[in-house]
Amino acid sequence: MATERSFAIMYLRAVEKKNSDFFIANNLSIMDCVHIRGTALVSVHVINNTLPDSIVYEIETMFWKD
């Protein structure tokens, strides 16, 4: 069974794949743009201000913003 952390990483990779044009054009990985805190119960924080609002929205709606 996937842990919360591994689920978060799988979800973030799917967001990166869906928005691959942005990430390729900016030579970024989704993991360059977020910080994952915790192991069992995780929180994901966007740390890159250049992400388009649509990508930030996808992340924040999946991982509640604190």
C-alpha atoms as a PDB file:
ATOM      1  CA  MET A   1       0.000   0.000   0.000  1.00  0.00           C
ATOM      2  CA  ALA A   2       1.290   3.443  -0.872  1.00  0.00           C
ATOM      3  CA  THR A   3       2.206   5.767   1.954  1.00  0.00           C
ATOM      4  CA  GLU A   4       0.861   9.289   2.012  1.00  0.00           C
ATOM      5  CA  ARG A   5       4.297  10.561   0.922  1.00  0.00           C
ATOM      6  CA  SER A   6       4.536   8.190  -2.033  1.00  0.00           C
ATOM      7  CA  PHE A   7       0.958   9.054  -3.048  1.00  0.00           C
ATOM      8  CA  ALA A   8       1.849  12.756  -2.926  1.00  0.00           C
ATOM      9  CA  ILE A   9       4.867  12.185  -5.156  1.00  0.00           C
ATOM     10  CA  MET A  10       2.830  10.113  -7.632  1.00  0.00           C
ATOM     11  CA  TYR A  11       0.155  12.830  -7.774  1.00  0.00           C
ATOM     12  CA  LEU A  12       2.733  15.595  -8.253  1.00  0.00           C
ATOM     13  CA  ARG A  13       4.418  13.640 -11.061  1.00  0.00           C
ATOM     14  CA  ALA A  14       1.003  13.322 -12.748  1.00  0.00           C
ATOM     15  CA  VAL A  15       0.553  17.105 -12.486  1.00  0.00           C
ATOM     16  CA  GLU A  16       4.000  17.540 -14.040  1.00  0.00           C
ATOM     17  CA  LYS A  17       3.153  15.160 -16.880  1.00  0.00           C
ATOM     18  CA  LYS A  18      -0.186  16.893 -17.539  1.00  0.00           C
ATOM     19  CA  ASN A  19       1.602  20.264 -17.702  1.00  0.00           C
ATOM     20  CA  SER A  20       4.758  19.004 -19.379  1.00  0.00           C
ATOM     21  CA  ASP A  21       4.948  21.947 -21.812  1.00  0.00           C
ATOM     22  CA  PHE A  22       5.471  24.385 -18.926  1.00  0.00           C
ATOM     23  CA  PHE A  23       8.010  22.206 -17.121  1.00  0.00           C
ATOM     24  CA  ILE A  24      10.033  21.447 -20.271  1.00  0.00           C
ATOM     25  CA  ALA A  25      10.045  25.080 -21.411  1.00  0.00           C
ATOM     26  CA  ASN A  26      11.264  26.224 -17.994  1.00  0.00           C
ATOM     27  CA  ASN A  27      13.683  23.349 -17.445  1.00  0.00           C
ATOM     28  CA  LEU A  28      11.948  22.446 -14.175  1.00  0.00           C
ATOM     29  CA  SER A  29      10.749  19.379 -12.358  1.00  0.00           C
ATOM     30  CA  ILE A  30       7.655  19.491 -10.159  1.00  0.00           C
ATOM     31  CA  MET A  31       9.938  18.519  -7.283  1.00  0.00           C
ATOM     32  CA  ASP A  32      11.893  21.769  -7.846  1.00  0.00           C
ATOM     33  CA  CYS A  33       8.679  23.674  -7.180  1.00  0.00           C
ATOM     34  CA  VAL A  34       7.306  22.084  -4.015  1.00  0.00           C
ATOM     35  CA  HIS A  35       8.370  21.093  -0.535  1.00  0.00           C
ATOM     36  CA  ILE A  36       6.860  17.970   1.036  1.00  0.00           C
ATOM     37  CA  ARG A  37       6.711  17.922   4.840  1.00  0.00           C
ATOM     38  CA  GLY A  38       6.069  14.789   6.835  1.00  0.00           C
ATOM     39  CA  THR A  39       6.132  11.101   6.001  1.00  0.00           C
ATOM     40  CA  ALA A  40       2.877   9.395   6.989  1.00  0.00           C
ATOM     41  CA  LEU A  41       0.673  12.481   6.945  1.00  0.00           C
ATOM     42  CA  VAL A  42       2.206  14.938   4.510  1.00  0.00           C
ATOM     43  CA  SER A  43       1.672  18.537   3.509  1.00  0.00           C
ATOM     44  CA  VAL A  44       2.812  19.941   0.183  1.00  0.00           C
ATOM     45  CA  HIS A  45       3.909  23.558  -0.090  1.00  0.00           C
ATOM     46  CA  VAL A  46       4.482  25.403  -3.377  1.00  0.00           C
ATOM     47  CA  ILE A  47       7.872  27.134  -3.181  1.00  0.00           C
ATOM     48  CA  ASN A  48       8.176  28.375  -6.774  1.00  0.00           C
ATOM     49  CA  ASN A  49       6.369  31.661  -7.438  1.00  0.00           C
ATOM     50  CA  THR A  50       6.568  31.256 -11.218  1.00  0.00           C
ATOM     51  CA  LEU A  51       4.173  28.326 -11.413  1.00  0.00           C
ATOM     52  CA  PRO A  52       1.031  29.208 -13.342  1.00  0.00           C
ATOM     53  CA  ASP A  53      -2.088  29.623 -11.211  1.00  0.00           C
ATOM     54  CA  SER A  54      -3.674  26.569 -12.818  1.00  0.00           C
ATOM     55  CA  ILE A  55      -0.851  24.309 -11.599  1.00  0.00           C
ATOM     56  CA  VAL A  56      -0.844  25.868  -8.126  1.00  0.00           C
ATOM     57  CA  TYR A  57      -4.612  25.314  -8.006  1.00  0.00           C
ATOM     58  CA  GLU A  58      -4.205  21.619  -8.898  1.00  0.00           C
ATOM     59  CA  ILE A  59      -1.704  21.189  -6.081  1.00  0.00           C
ATOM     60  CA  GLU A  60      -3.548  23.226  -3.475  1.00  0.00           C
ATOM     61  CA  THR A  61      -6.906  21.572  -4.103  1.00  0.00           C
ATOM     62  CA  MET A  62      -5.361  18.129  -3.629  1.00  0.00           C
ATOM     63  CA  PHE A  63      -3.239  19.058  -0.604  1.00  0.00           C
ATOM     64  CA  TRP A  64      -5.062  21.458   1.670  1.00  0.00           C
ATOM     65  CA  LYS A  65      -3.219  24.707   2.150  1.00  0.00           C
ATOM     66  CA  ASP A  66      -2.401  25.506   5.786  1.00  0.00           C
END
